Amino acid sequence: MENIGKYRVVRELGKGATATVYLCDDPDAGRQVAVKLVRFGKDNAAMSRRLRKLFQTEGVTAGRLNHPNIVQIYDAVVEDDYAYLAMEFIDGVSLERYCRIDKMLPMHRTIGIIFKCCLALDHAYRQGVIHRDIKPANIMLTADDEPKIADFGLALNLQKDMDRDSTFIMGVGSPAYMSPEQIKGYALNQKTDLYSLGVVLFQMLTGRLPFRANNQATLIYKIINTDAPVVTALNPSLPEGLNPIIKKSLEKDLYTRYKNGAEFAKDLSSVRYQIYEEDDTEQDTKHFEALRKLEFFTEFENIELWEILRVAVWREVAAGVAIIREGETNQLFGILVRGFVEVSIHGRALCRLGAGEVIGEMAYLHPGNKKRHATVVTLEPSFFLEISASALALSSEELVERMRNALTARMIDRLRKVNEIAAAQGAPAVDVGTGSLTGMTRSAPGSGLDLELSPM
């Protein structure tokens, strides 16, 4: 296409199921705009009526919203066969890019982005509009971290008479981000958008959704009936002050959830000072590269290593510090990234371990007994990657399985070495060919190092 109305098409920006978005030149204003074009099909009249209604909704509702963090609508035209919206062109990407575990933004940037989104939703509500489909794909981000909420095509105009002029369409929204009341089909208010924004915040801070399931029915059940995990359990580096904020944003009870975006933003600003405002992307990359070099992680996918970095804490430990003590009961385990440790039992040295070795895996792997039967002490200043067992349990099934397999393999390798040491201390073996002892008389059970297993 060369032109859409008065707008000259420069290039296509993207294409969805119902609309195509083009970068265009606005000859009157002398600026570039994004133009969303939808054609009404003749084969499906019901769908065409629905698209026309959605387009009219987006043009009317978003057109009167004037906020720096909401995509501005300049022009809305609805014809018989097609319709288009001319809107602010955002040279950026959607927040979807930063919801992956390996692409997460530093905490202070995430909090700043969601803070601005809270104020934008508060402005929309004061104009009588709720979005109803807040999700990462509908929030654009500019190069200078300015979020822009887009796509008000599903917006609900609270100022209309819903009996006569309803824009409400059952089932709108994206299930993973929908509030319990939206799933149930209840009357909606601004709190549904704040719930969805809470889901986005949770995902940007942890790299995963608060509710996950293999099918939509199970997902809906969890959203309605279960509580989300605590974010600091999934990402121990987060400040504890974020826990009550996210909990309140995801409350199922409307009376205890945030009542407006300004209240949500105020709480976020109160916790923001606890966050060290430094882009830690470079440090994350160094940590990732350090793990990639360790033999233990050879079979791990890159995405799994990034997930480990989010559920683990890097600890710099001085020499002579006990990382694990006999008699304690916990599931702490981790990887020695640098340094040396000594493992002892009842005050007697058992072995020494260096970089790349696993520490504390037995208590984690044992199905019932979490009591420590050895002490681990650093012999020199060391770096220890402490992995939270509770956070790991909430991680992806692929990572949990990979970790258990790697730990089990490492434990079996160690057991084989112990067997070799034990065999060196034992009596001569039976000659395979003759069935007789080699070079010695038969010894009774109990002589040498007796490792014979008794039947249960």
Protein backbone atom coordinates (compact mmCIF):
# COMPACT_ATOMS: atom_id res chain seq x y z
CA MET A 1 0.00 0.00 0.00
CA GLU A 2 1.13 3.53 -0.75
CA ASN A 3 -1.41 5.47 1.31
CA ILE A 4 -3.90 4.91 4.12
CA GLY A 5 -6.18 7.92 4.01
CA LYS A 6 -3.91 10.94 4.11
CA TYR A 7 -0.99 8.95 5.56
CA ARG A 8 1.87 7.84 3.30
CA VAL A 9 3.03 4.29 4.08
CA VAL A 10 6.75 3.91 4.78
CA ARG A 11 6.87 0.24 5.77
CA GLU A 12 4.99 -2.48 7.60
CA LEU A 13 5.74 -2.70 11.35
CA GLY A 14 3.78 -5.78 12.26
CA LYS A 15 0.85 -7.99 11.47
CA GLY A 16 -1.65 -9.69 13.76
CA ALA A 17 -4.72 -11.86 13.35
CA THR A 18 -7.06 -8.93 12.68
CA ALA A 19 -4.90 -5.87 11.97
CA THR A 20 -1.73 -4.71 10.29
CA VAL A 21 0.35 -1.82 11.63
CA TYR A 22 2.31 0.46 9.28
CA LEU A 23 4.87 3.20 9.82
CA CYS A 24 3.53 6.23 7.98
CA ASP A 25 4.30 9.90 7.37
CA ASP A 26 1.68 12.42 8.54
CA PRO A 27 1.86 15.24 5.94
CA ASP A 28 -0.16 17.70 8.01
CA ALA A 29 1.77 17.37 11.30
CA GLY A 30 5.17 16.59 9.75
CA ARG A 31 5.75 13.52 11.93
CA GLN A 32 5.87 9.77 11.67
CA VAL A 33 2.91 7.85 13.02
CA ALA A 34 1.89 4.22 13.43
CA VAL A 35 -1.30 3.38 11.57
CA LYS A 36 -3.30 0.31 12.52
CA LEU A 37 -5.41 -0.92 9.63
CA VAL A 38 -8.15 -3.54 9.77
CA ARG A 39 -10.28 -4.75 6.89
CA PHE A 40 -13.79 -6.03 7.55
CA GLY A 41 -14.37 -9.39 5.89
CA LYS A 42 -17.56 -10.05 3.99
CA ASP A 43 -17.51 -13.78 4.80
CA ASN A 44 -17.94 -13.30 8.53
CA ALA A 45 -20.38 -10.51 9.27
CA ALA A 46 -20.43 -11.17 13.04
CA MET A 47 -16.65 -10.87 13.28
CA SER A 48 -16.71 -7.72 11.19
CA ARG A 49 -19.29 -6.14 13.52
CA ARG A 50 -17.13 -7.08 16.51
CA LEU A 51 -13.97 -5.64 14.94
CA ARG A 52 -15.81 -2.45 14.01
CA LYS A 53 -16.99 -2.08 17.59
CA LEU A 54 -13.51 -2.70 18.99
CA PHE A 55 -12.04 -0.15 16.61
CA GLN A 56 -14.62 2.45 17.50
CA THR A 57 -13.95 1.76 21.18
CA GLU A 58 -10.22 2.20 20.80
CA GLY A 59 -10.60 5.40 18.84
CA VAL A 60 -13.10 6.97 21.24
CA THR A 61 -11.64 5.90 24.58
CA ALA A 62 -7.93 6.14 23.87
CA GLY A 63 -8.41 9.32 21.89
CA ARG A 64 -9.35 11.25 25.03
CA LEU A 65 -6.50 9.85 27.14
CA ASN A 66 -3.60 12.26 27.38
CA HIS A 67 -0.75 10.84 29.45
CA PRO A 68 2.99 10.50 28.70
CA ASN A 69 2.83 6.75 29.38
CA ILE A 70 -0.19 6.00 27.19
CA VAL A 71 0.14 5.71 23.41
CA GLN A 72 -1.63 8.77 22.03
CA ILE A 73 -4.32 8.38 19.35
CA TYR A 74 -4.30 11.15 16.71
CA ASP A 75 -6.96 10.03 14.28
CA ALA A 76 -9.65 7.32 14.00
CA VAL A 77 -11.51 6.56 10.77
CA VAL A 78 -14.14 3.85 10.30
CA GLU A 79 -15.39 3.13 6.77
CA ASP A 80 -17.68 0.43 5.40
CA ASP A 81 -14.90 -1.99 4.40
CA TYR A 82 -12.01 -0.94 6.59
CA ALA A 83 -10.93 1.20 9.54
CA TYR A 84 -7.67 2.67 10.72
CA LEU A 85 -6.15 4.40 13.71
CA ALA A 86 -3.27 6.85 13.49
CA MET A 87 -1.31 6.83 16.72
CA GLU A 88 1.96 7.84 18.30
CA PHE A 89 4.87 5.87 16.84
CA ILE A 90 6.93 4.23 19.58
CA ASP A 91 10.47 3.42 18.54
CA GLY A 92 11.01 0.59 21.00
CA VAL A 93 10.06 -2.93 21.99
CA SER A 94 7.33 -4.49 24.10
CA LEU A 95 7.92 -5.67 27.65
CA GLU A 96 7.61 -9.25 26.39
CA ARG A 97 11.33 -9.11 25.63
CA TYR A 98 12.17 -8.53 29.29
CA CYS A 99 9.96 -11.22 30.80
CA ARG A 100 12.33 -14.05 29.88
CA ILE A 101 14.57 -15.35 32.62
CA ASP A 102 17.69 -14.56 30.56
CA LYS A 103 16.57 -11.05 29.55
CA MET A 104 15.33 -9.60 32.82
CA LEU A 105 15.98 -5.92 33.49
CA PRO A 106 17.76 -4.70 36.64
CA MET A 107 15.36 -4.35 39.55
CA HIS A 108 15.42 -0.58 39.79
CA ARG A 109 14.51 -0.25 36.09
CA THR A 110 11.64 -2.72 36.42
CA ILE A 111 10.23 -0.89 39.45
CA GLY A 112 10.52 2.44 37.64
CA ILE A 113 8.66 1.12 34.59
CA ILE A 114 5.79 -0.39 36.58
CA PHE A 115 5.59 2.77 38.73
CA LYS A 116 4.89 4.82 35.60
CA CYS A 117 2.35 2.27 34.36
CA CYS A 118 0.50 2.59 37.68
CA LEU A 119 0.15 6.32 37.17
CA ALA A 120 -0.95 5.84 33.55
CA LEU A 121 -3.71 3.41 34.59
CA ASP A 122 -4.74 5.78 37.35
CA HIS A 123 -5.14 8.55 34.74
CA ALA A 124 -7.18 6.27 32.48
CA TYR A 125 -9.51 5.31 35.32
CA ARG A 126 -10.06 8.97 36.21
CA GLN A 127 -11.20 9.42 32.61
CA GLY A 128 -13.64 6.55 33.06
CA VAL A 129 -11.62 3.94 31.14
CA ILE A 130 -10.18 0.59 32.18
CA HIS A 131 -7.96 -1.34 29.79
CA ARG A 132 -8.93 -4.99 30.52
CA ASP A 133 -5.97 -6.49 28.66
CA ILE A 134 -2.83 -5.34 30.46
CA LYS A 135 0.01 -7.68 29.53
CA PRO A 136 3.67 -7.29 28.44
CA ALA A 137 2.77 -7.31 24.73
CA ASN A 138 0.58 -4.23 25.24
CA ILE A 139 3.25 -2.16 27.00
CA MET A 140 5.91 -0.66 24.76
CA LEU A 141 9.24 0.55 26.10
CA THR A 142 11.33 3.32 24.59
CA ALA A 143 15.11 3.51 24.62
CA ASP A 144 15.02 5.78 27.69
CA ASP A 145 12.80 3.39 29.72
CA GLU A 146 9.54 5.22 29.12
CA PRO A 147 6.67 2.70 29.10
CA LYS A 148 3.74 3.33 26.78
CA ILE A 149 0.51 1.43 27.34
CA ALA A 150 -1.09 0.56 24.01
CA ASP A 151 -4.07 -1.27 22.54
CA PHE A 152 -7.17 0.06 24.23
CA GLY A 153 -9.27 -1.94 21.76
CA LEU A 154 -10.70 -4.01 24.62
CA ALA A 155 -11.15 -1.03 26.92
CA LEU A 156 -14.30 -0.68 28.98
CA ASN A 157 -15.84 2.79 29.01
CA LEU A 158 -17.29 3.20 32.49
CA GLN A 159 -19.08 6.40 31.55
CA LYS A 160 -21.42 4.65 29.10
CA ASP A 161 -24.78 3.12 29.89
CA MET A 162 -23.76 -0.51 29.80
CA ASP A 163 -27.31 -1.69 29.14
CA ARG A 164 -27.72 0.42 26.00
CA ASP A 165 -24.22 0.95 24.68
CA SER A 166 -22.01 -1.83 25.97
CA THR A 167 -18.47 -2.37 24.77
CA PHE A 168 -18.11 -5.36 27.08
CA ILE A 169 -17.24 -8.60 25.28
CA MET A 170 -17.12 -11.76 27.36
CA GLY A 171 -13.79 -13.53 27.50
CA VAL A 172 -11.56 -10.62 26.53
CA GLY A 173 -8.10 -10.44 27.99
CA SER A 174 -5.19 -12.89 28.11
CA PRO A 175 -5.90 -15.72 30.60
CA ALA A 176 -2.52 -15.71 32.35
CA TYR A 177 -2.93 -11.99 33.17
CA MET A 178 -6.67 -11.94 33.89
CA SER A 179 -8.00 -11.17 37.36
CA PRO A 180 -10.24 -13.69 39.17
CA GLU A 181 -13.29 -11.45 38.71
CA GLN A 182 -12.57 -11.08 35.00
CA ILE A 183 -12.40 -14.85 34.58
CA LYS A 184 -15.69 -15.22 36.45
CA GLY A 185 -17.38 -12.63 34.24
CA TYR A 186 -18.13 -10.26 37.11
CA ALA A 187 -18.53 -6.50 36.79
CA LEU A 188 -15.12 -4.91 36.38
CA ASN A 189 -13.49 -1.76 37.74
CA GLN A 190 -10.00 -0.30 37.74
CA LYS A 191 -8.75 -3.00 40.13
CA THR A 192 -8.73 -5.59 37.36
CA ASP A 193 -6.02 -3.61 35.52
CA LEU A 194 -3.96 -3.31 38.72
CA TYR A 195 -4.15 -7.07 39.20
CA SER A 196 -2.90 -7.64 35.63
CA LEU A 197 -0.11 -5.12 36.17
CA GLY A 198 0.84 -7.01 39.34
CA VAL A 199 1.21 -10.15 37.22
CA VAL A 200 3.48 -8.25 34.80
CA LEU A 201 5.61 -6.98 37.72
CA PHE A 202 5.87 -10.51 39.15
CA GLN A 203 6.98 -11.86 35.78
CA MET A 204 9.56 -9.12 35.17
CA LEU A 205 11.11 -9.70 38.61
CA THR A 206 11.20 -13.51 38.50
CA GLY A 207 11.15 -14.50 34.84
CA ARG A 208 7.98 -16.58 35.30
CA LEU A 209 4.26 -16.13 35.74
CA PRO A 210 2.74 -16.38 39.24
CA PHE A 211 0.36 -19.11 38.06
CA ARG A 212 1.42 -21.80 35.59
CA ALA A 213 -0.37 -24.88 34.32
CA ASN A 214 -0.36 -27.37 31.46
CA ASN A 215 -3.88 -26.46 30.38
CA GLN A 216 -6.22 -23.50 30.59
CA ALA A 217 -8.70 -25.15 32.97
CA THR A 218 -5.99 -25.76 35.57
CA LEU A 219 -4.62 -22.25 35.07
CA ILE A 220 -8.04 -20.71 35.68
CA TYR A 221 -8.50 -22.84 38.80
CA LYS A 222 -5.16 -21.63 40.20
CA ILE A 223 -5.88 -17.97 39.46
CA ILE A 224 -9.21 -18.20 41.29
CA ASN A 225 -8.23 -20.44 44.21
CA THR A 226 -4.50 -20.47 44.96
CA ASP A 227 -1.99 -17.89 46.19
CA ALA A 228 1.00 -16.81 44.12
CA PRO A 229 4.50 -17.79 45.32
CA VAL A 230 6.45 -15.23 47.32
CA VAL A 231 8.72 -13.35 44.91
CA THR A 232 11.76 -13.40 47.19
CA ALA A 233 11.56 -17.20 47.24
CA LEU A 234 11.95 -17.18 43.46
CA ASN A 235 14.52 -14.38 43.38
CA PRO A 236 16.39 -14.11 46.71
CA SER A 237 18.15 -10.92 45.61
CA LEU A 238 14.88 -8.94 45.76
CA PRO A 239 14.15 -6.78 48.81
CA GLU A 240 11.62 -8.22 51.26
CA GLY A 241 9.55 -5.03 50.94
CA LEU A 242 8.33 -6.17 47.52
CA ASN A 243 6.51 -9.20 48.95
CA PRO A 244 3.55 -7.34 50.53
CA ILE A 245 3.25 -5.03 47.51
CA ILE A 246 2.92 -7.83 44.99
CA LYS A 247 0.70 -9.79 47.36
CA LYS A 248 -1.66 -6.84 47.62
CA SER A 249 -1.74 -6.32 43.87
CA LEU A 250 -2.67 -9.99 43.34
CA GLU A 251 -5.30 -10.19 46.08
CA LYS A 252 -8.37 -12.14 45.01
CA ASP A 253 -10.53 -10.11 47.39
CA LEU A 254 -11.28 -6.77 45.74
CA TYR A 255 -11.60 -5.02 49.10
CA THR A 256 -7.97 -5.77 50.03
CA ARG A 257 -6.44 -5.18 46.60
CA TYR A 258 -5.05 -1.75 45.64
CA LYS A 259 -7.95 0.63 45.07
CA ASN A 260 -6.17 2.74 42.45
CA GLY A 261 -2.92 3.09 40.55
CA ALA A 262 -1.72 5.98 42.68
CA GLU A 263 -1.82 3.81 45.81
CA PHE A 264 0.10 1.04 44.02
CA ALA A 265 2.69 3.57 42.79
CA LYS A 266 3.12 5.05 46.27
CA ASP A 267 4.05 1.67 47.74
CA LEU A 268 6.47 1.00 44.90
CA SER A 269 8.19 4.33 45.53
CA SER A 270 8.58 3.47 49.22
CA VAL A 271 10.51 0.28 48.44
CA ARG A 272 12.53 1.68 45.57
CA TYR A 273 15.16 3.19 47.87
CA GLN A 274 16.02 -0.32 49.06
CA ILE A 275 17.17 -1.26 45.57
CA TYR A 276 20.75 -0.62 44.59
CA GLU A 277 20.38 1.57 41.51
CA GLU A 278 23.05 0.13 39.30
CA ASP A 279 22.69 -1.73 36.05
CA ASP A 280 23.87 -5.19 37.07
CA THR A 281 23.63 -6.61 33.55
CA GLU A 282 27.42 -6.73 33.26
CA GLN A 283 27.73 -8.56 36.58
CA ASP A 284 25.01 -11.02 35.57
CA THR A 285 26.89 -11.74 32.36
CA LYS A 286 30.12 -12.40 34.29
CA HIS A 287 28.30 -14.75 36.65
CA PHE A 288 26.75 -16.57 33.71
CA GLU A 289 30.12 -16.98 32.03
CA ALA A 290 31.64 -18.28 35.28
CA LEU A 291 28.96 -20.97 35.54
CA ARG A 292 29.27 -21.85 31.86
CA LYS A 293 32.92 -22.77 32.43
CA LEU A 294 32.18 -25.20 35.27
CA GLU A 295 32.08 -28.89 34.32
CA PHE A 296 29.01 -29.45 36.49
CA PHE A 297 26.90 -27.25 34.19
CA THR A 298 28.11 -28.73 30.88
CA GLU A 299 24.73 -30.30 30.04
CA PHE A 300 22.65 -27.31 31.17
CA GLU A 301 20.97 -25.14 28.54
CA ASN A 302 21.74 -21.41 28.59
CA ILE A 303 18.17 -20.59 29.63
CA GLU A 304 18.55 -22.99 32.56
CA LEU A 305 21.75 -21.27 33.71
CA TRP A 306 19.97 -17.92 33.71
CA GLU A 307 17.18 -19.48 35.74
CA ILE A 308 19.74 -20.76 38.26
CA LEU A 309 21.19 -17.28 38.59
CA ARG A 310 17.74 -15.99 39.61
CA VAL A 311 17.14 -18.64 42.31
CA ALA A 312 20.67 -18.53 43.72
CA VAL A 313 22.72 -16.19 45.87
CA TRP A 314 26.42 -15.52 45.28
CA ARG A 315 28.26 -15.62 48.60
CA GLU A 316 31.82 -14.49 49.19
CA VAL A 317 33.02 -16.56 52.15
CA ALA A 318 36.20 -15.93 54.17
CA ALA A 319 38.62 -18.71 55.11
CA GLY A 320 37.74 -20.81 58.13
CA VAL A 321 33.95 -20.39 57.81
CA ALA A 322 31.63 -23.38 58.19
CA ILE A 323 29.20 -23.41 55.27
CA ILE A 324 27.49 -26.56 56.55
CA ARG A 325 27.57 -28.04 60.08
CA GLU A 326 26.88 -31.56 61.29
CA GLY A 327 23.56 -31.91 63.05
CA GLU A 328 21.86 -29.02 61.28
CA THR A 329 18.64 -29.66 59.40
CA ASN A 330 18.22 -27.83 56.09
CA GLN A 331 18.32 -28.27 52.32
CA LEU A 332 21.05 -25.77 51.58
CA PHE A 333 23.26 -26.84 48.70
CA GLY A 334 25.27 -25.20 46.01
CA ILE A 335 28.36 -25.06 43.85
CA LEU A 336 31.85 -23.96 44.86
CA VAL A 337 32.69 -21.49 42.10
CA ARG A 338 36.12 -20.60 43.47
CA GLY A 339 38.21 -21.72 46.43
CA PHE A 340 38.71 -24.88 48.52
CA VAL A 341 36.74 -26.50 51.33
CA GLU A 342 37.31 -29.39 53.71
CA VAL A 343 34.61 -31.95 54.45
CA SER A 344 34.81 -33.64 57.85
CA ILE A 345 32.80 -36.09 59.96
CA HIS A 346 33.09 -36.22 63.76
CA GLY A 347 36.19 -34.03 63.62
CA ARG A 348 38.00 -36.26 61.11
CA ALA A 349 38.80 -34.94 57.62
CA LEU A 350 37.02 -36.84 54.88
CA CYS A 351 38.08 -34.97 51.73
CA ARG A 352 38.83 -31.61 50.19
CA LEU A 353 36.83 -30.11 47.32
CA GLY A 354 37.73 -27.40 44.82
CA ALA A 355 36.04 -25.19 42.25
CA GLY A 356 33.17 -26.77 40.37
CA GLU A 357 32.30 -29.23 43.14
CA VAL A 358 28.85 -29.61 44.66
CA ILE A 359 28.33 -29.10 48.39
CA GLY A 360 25.35 -30.25 50.43
CA GLU A 361 23.59 -32.25 47.73
CA MET A 362 22.75 -35.27 49.93
CA ALA A 363 20.32 -33.40 52.19
CA TYR A 364 18.66 -31.91 49.13
CA LEU A 365 18.30 -35.25 47.33
CA HIS A 366 17.26 -37.34 50.31
CA PRO A 367 13.46 -37.76 50.28
CA GLY A 368 13.08 -37.58 54.07
CA ASN A 369 16.22 -37.09 56.13
CA LYS A 370 17.49 -33.50 55.88
CA LYS A 371 19.91 -33.80 58.81
CA ARG A 372 23.53 -32.91 58.04
CA HIS A 373 26.05 -35.69 58.61
CA ALA A 374 29.18 -33.72 57.70
CA THR A 375 30.77 -30.30 58.21
CA VAL A 376 32.10 -28.19 55.34
CA VAL A 377 34.67 -25.47 56.15
CA THR A 378 36.41 -23.10 53.73
CA LEU A 379 40.21 -23.41 53.59
CA GLU A 380 40.66 -20.10 51.77
CA PRO A 381 38.48 -17.17 50.65
CA SER A 382 35.87 -18.73 48.38
CA PHE A 383 32.86 -17.97 46.19
CA PHE A 384 29.87 -20.19 46.87
CA LEU A 385 26.75 -20.26 44.70
CA GLU A 386 24.02 -21.04 47.24
CA ILE A 387 20.89 -22.43 45.60
CA SER A 388 17.56 -22.07 47.34
CA ALA A 389 15.84 -25.47 47.38
CA SER A 390 12.42 -23.84 47.86
CA ALA A 391 12.94 -21.50 44.90
CA LEU A 392 14.27 -24.34 42.77
CA ALA A 393 11.10 -26.32 43.53
CA LEU A 394 9.08 -23.48 41.95
CA SER A 395 11.29 -23.26 38.88
CA SER A 396 10.63 -24.86 35.51
CA GLU A 397 10.19 -28.62 35.44
CA GLU A 398 13.07 -28.85 32.97
CA LEU A 399 15.49 -27.15 35.35
CA VAL A 400 14.40 -29.21 38.37
CA GLU A 401 14.86 -32.46 36.45
CA ARG A 402 18.21 -31.35 35.03
CA MET A 403 19.49 -30.36 38.46
CA ARG A 404 18.40 -33.59 40.13
CA ASN A 405 19.99 -35.65 37.36
CA ALA A 406 23.25 -33.70 37.58
CA LEU A 407 23.38 -33.97 41.38
CA THR A 408 22.56 -37.68 41.29
CA ALA A 409 25.27 -38.32 38.70
CA ARG A 410 27.81 -36.40 40.79
CA MET A 411 26.85 -38.33 43.93
CA ILE A 412 27.19 -41.66 42.10
CA ASP A 413 30.63 -40.65 40.81
CA ARG A 414 31.71 -39.88 44.36
CA LEU A 415 30.28 -43.17 45.63
CA ARG A 416 32.30 -45.02 42.99
CA LYS A 417 35.47 -43.33 44.20
CA VAL A 418 34.64 -44.27 47.78
CA ASN A 419 34.12 -47.85 46.61
CA GLU A 420 37.56 -47.83 44.97
CA ILE A 421 39.16 -46.59 48.20
CA ALA A 422 37.25 -49.18 50.21
CA ALA A 423 38.25 -51.95 47.80
CA ALA A 424 41.90 -51.01 48.19
CA GLN A 425 41.53 -51.69 51.91
CA GLY A 426 39.65 -54.95 51.43
CA ALA A 427 40.72 -58.61 51.19
CA PRO A 428 41.70 -60.17 47.83
CA ALA A 429 38.75 -60.95 45.59
CA VAL A 430 37.60 -64.36 44.40
CA ASP A 431 39.32 -65.47 41.21
CA VAL A 432 36.69 -65.27 38.47
CA GLY A 433 38.01 -68.34 36.66
CA THR A 434 38.47 -70.73 39.60
CA GLY A 435 36.18 -69.31 42.20
CA SER A 436 39.10 -69.34 44.66
CA LEU A 437 40.88 -66.52 46.44
CA THR A 438 43.94 -65.12 44.66
CA GLY A 439 47.12 -65.47 46.66
CA MET A 440 45.41 -65.91 50.03
CA THR A 441 43.35 -68.30 52.03
CA ARG A 442 39.62 -67.70 52.30
CA SER A 443 38.77 -65.21 54.98
CA ALA A 444 35.65 -65.24 57.03
CA PRO A 445 33.16 -62.39 56.60
CA GLY A 446 34.26 -59.49 58.68
CA SER A 447 37.95 -59.67 57.84
CA GLY A 448 39.47 -56.72 56.02
CA LEU A 449 36.89 -54.03 55.17
CA ASP A 450 33.54 -55.79 55.19
CA LEU A 451 31.07 -53.95 52.94
CA GLU A 452 28.74 -56.91 52.44
CA LEU A 453 25.10 -55.78 52.28
CA SER A 454 22.64 -57.73 54.38
CA PRO A 455 19.20 -58.53 52.93
CA MET A 456 16.36 -56.32 54.16
